[in-house]
């Protein structure tokens, strides 16, 4: 899976996209709110690691999601 942080403009907040191996969008959520249904993506129990990654992630750079 891959992750990218998208910069918002004006009143639009920053967003996080999670994409599968074929770059198909599987999750899209606000960067300042916790993601729900993490078990659906095999990320249950990794909330703290995901939050730390999101805080350090540069805008607009697609990265392999490895937690």
Protein backbone atom coordinates (compact mmCIF):
# COMPACT_ATOMS: atom_id res chain seq x y z
CA UNK A 1 0.00 0.00 0.00
CA UNK A 2 1.03 3.61 -0.56
CA UNK A 3 0.31 6.85 1.29
CA UNK A 4 0.32 10.47 0.16
CA UNK A 5 -0.47 13.70 2.02
CA UNK A 6 -2.41 16.30 0.02
CA UNK A 7 -2.19 19.99 1.00
CA UNK A 8 -5.51 21.75 1.40
CA UNK A 9 -6.18 25.34 0.39
CA UNK A 10 -8.04 28.07 2.28
CA UNK A 11 -10.91 26.31 4.10
CA UNK A 12 -10.16 22.89 2.62
CA UNK A 13 -8.16 20.80 5.12
CA UNK A 14 -5.14 18.60 4.43
CA UNK A 15 -6.03 15.05 3.43
CA UNK A 16 -4.37 11.65 3.44
CA UNK A 17 -4.83 9.13 0.64
CA UNK A 18 -4.03 5.45 1.01
CA UNK A 19 -3.71 3.53 -2.23
CA UNK A 20 -3.28 -0.17 -2.96
CA UNK A 21 -0.52 -1.83 -5.01
CA UNK A 22 -2.30 -0.81 -8.25
CA UNK A 23 -2.55 2.81 -6.99
CA UNK A 24 -6.33 2.52 -6.60
CA UNK A 25 -7.67 4.79 -3.85
CA UNK A 26 -8.76 2.68 -0.87
CA UNK A 27 -8.96 5.33 1.88
CA UNK A 28 -9.26 9.11 1.98
CA UNK A 29 -9.43 11.02 5.26
CA UNK A 30 -8.53 14.30 6.90
CA UNK A 31 -4.99 14.49 8.23
CA UNK A 32 -6.15 16.05 11.51
CA UNK A 33 -8.71 13.33 12.31
CA UNK A 34 -8.04 9.70 13.09
CA UNK A 35 -8.86 7.16 10.44
CA UNK A 36 -11.70 4.75 11.19
CA UNK A 37 -11.95 1.08 10.22
CA UNK A 38 -8.19 0.45 10.29
CA UNK A 39 -8.82 -3.29 10.53
CA UNK A 40 -10.27 -3.14 7.02
CA UNK A 41 -6.78 -2.33 5.73
CA UNK A 42 -4.77 -4.55 8.07
CA UNK A 43 -3.59 -1.56 10.15
CA UNK A 44 -5.35 -2.29 13.46
CA UNK A 45 -3.15 -1.62 16.46
CA UNK A 46 -0.90 0.68 14.45
CA UNK A 47 -2.78 3.92 15.08
CA UNK A 48 0.12 5.62 16.89
CA UNK A 49 2.65 4.65 14.23
CA UNK A 50 0.30 5.83 11.47
CA UNK A 51 -0.28 9.16 13.24
CA UNK A 52 3.48 9.69 13.65
CA UNK A 53 4.02 8.88 9.97
CA UNK A 54 1.30 11.32 8.89
CA UNK A 55 2.84 14.12 10.97
CA UNK A 56 6.27 13.59 9.34
CA UNK A 57 5.01 12.93 5.81
CA UNK A 58 5.88 15.65 3.27
CA UNK A 59 3.06 17.01 1.12
CA UNK A 60 2.66 15.57 -2.36
CA UNK A 61 5.20 12.75 -2.05
CA UNK A 62 3.89 9.24 -2.62
CA UNK A 63 5.51 6.76 -0.23
CA UNK A 64 5.26 3.04 0.35
CA UNK A 65 3.26 2.47 3.54
CA UNK A 66 5.42 0.35 5.83
CA UNK A 67 4.44 0.21 9.50
